[in-house]
Protein backbone atom coordinates (compact mmCIF):
# COMPACT_ATOMS: atom_id res chain seq x y z
CA UNK A 1 -5.42 28.50 -3.83
CA UNK A 2 -3.37 25.51 -2.65
CA UNK A 3 -3.54 22.28 -4.63
CA UNK A 4 -2.28 18.75 -4.08
CA UNK A 5 -1.35 17.26 -7.43
CA UNK A 6 -0.45 13.70 -8.28
CA UNK A 7 1.80 12.88 -11.22
CA UNK A 8 1.81 9.52 -12.93
CA UNK A 9 5.40 8.24 -12.83
CA UNK A 10 5.00 6.27 -16.07
CA UNK A 11 3.65 9.10 -18.21
CA UNK A 12 5.08 12.06 -16.26
CA UNK A 13 1.72 13.79 -16.53
CA UNK A 14 -0.80 15.05 -13.98
CA UNK A 15 -3.02 12.20 -12.82
CA UNK A 16 -5.17 14.26 -10.43
CA UNK A 17 -5.35 17.77 -9.06
CA UNK A 18 -7.10 18.33 -5.73
CA UNK A 19 -8.04 21.79 -4.51
CA UNK A 20 -7.22 22.17 -0.82
CA UNK A 21 -9.97 23.99 1.05
CA UNK A 22 -9.29 26.18 4.11
CA UNK A 23 -5.56 25.57 4.44
CA UNK A 24 -2.71 28.03 4.61
CA UNK A 25 1.01 27.75 4.05
CA UNK A 26 1.45 27.59 7.83
CA UNK A 27 -1.10 24.77 7.97
CA UNK A 28 0.85 22.83 5.37
CA UNK A 29 4.06 23.38 7.30
CA UNK A 30 2.35 21.79 10.34
CA UNK A 31 1.33 18.72 8.29
CA UNK A 32 4.61 17.97 6.54
CA UNK A 33 8.30 18.56 7.12
CA UNK A 34 9.09 21.57 4.93
CA UNK A 35 12.73 22.41 4.24
CA UNK A 36 12.76 25.92 2.85
CA UNK A 37 16.54 26.09 2.61
CA UNK A 38 16.36 26.35 -1.18
CA UNK A 39 13.01 27.90 -2.04
CA UNK A 40 10.02 28.91 0.07
CA UNK A 41 7.04 26.54 0.09
CA UNK A 42 5.02 29.11 -1.85
CA UNK A 43 7.45 28.90 -4.79
CA UNK A 44 6.49 25.20 -5.29
CA UNK A 45 5.59 22.77 -6.51
CA UNK A 46 6.85 21.20 -3.31
CA UNK A 47 7.18 17.40 -3.01
CA UNK A 48 5.01 15.51 -0.54
CA UNK A 49 6.09 12.07 0.71
CA UNK A 50 3.55 9.32 0.01
CA UNK A 51 3.23 8.69 3.77
CA UNK A 52 2.17 12.34 4.26
CA UNK A 53 -0.44 12.45 1.49
CA UNK A 54 -3.34 11.12 3.66
CA UNK A 55 -2.88 14.12 5.99
CA UNK A 56 -4.44 16.32 3.30
CA UNK A 57 -7.67 14.30 2.94
CA UNK A 58 -9.66 16.50 5.33
CA UNK A 59 -8.90 19.53 3.13
CA UNK A 60 -10.20 17.91 -0.07
CA UNK A 61 -13.83 17.96 -1.10
CA UNK A 62 -15.04 14.96 -3.10
CA UNK A 63 -13.24 11.80 -4.13
CA UNK A 64 -9.61 11.45 -3.13
CA UNK A 65 -7.53 8.52 -4.27
CA UNK A 66 -3.97 7.78 -3.29
CA UNK A 67 -1.77 5.66 -5.51
CA UNK A 68 1.75 4.45 -4.88
CA UNK A 69 2.23 4.73 -8.67
CA UNK A 70 2.10 8.52 -8.37
CA UNK A 71 4.31 11.26 -6.99
CA UNK A 72 2.64 14.08 -5.04
CA UNK A 73 3.32 17.80 -4.89
CA UNK A 74 1.79 20.83 -3.18
CA UNK A 75 1.46 24.02 -5.16
CA UNK A 76 -0.01 27.47 -4.81
CA UNK A 77 -1.87 28.24 -8.04
CA UNK A 78 -4.41 30.81 -9.17
CA UNK A 79 -7.88 29.60 -10.09
């Protein structure tokens, strides 16, 4: 399952973890610029620019808050 996670820059801990519903690796590649020169997207966590974070809102069920105090990453994790 794909997740969008936000990390608090001050504490370097996870602030929020959002499960992404009905999205694939190819879908993520369409939403953000993915440079897989080093590691494939699936080997994440993969950084997501703050400007790209709102693109994932339609794949999140429930409350979704974006904060410029956080850094965002996409990851493929088991439930």
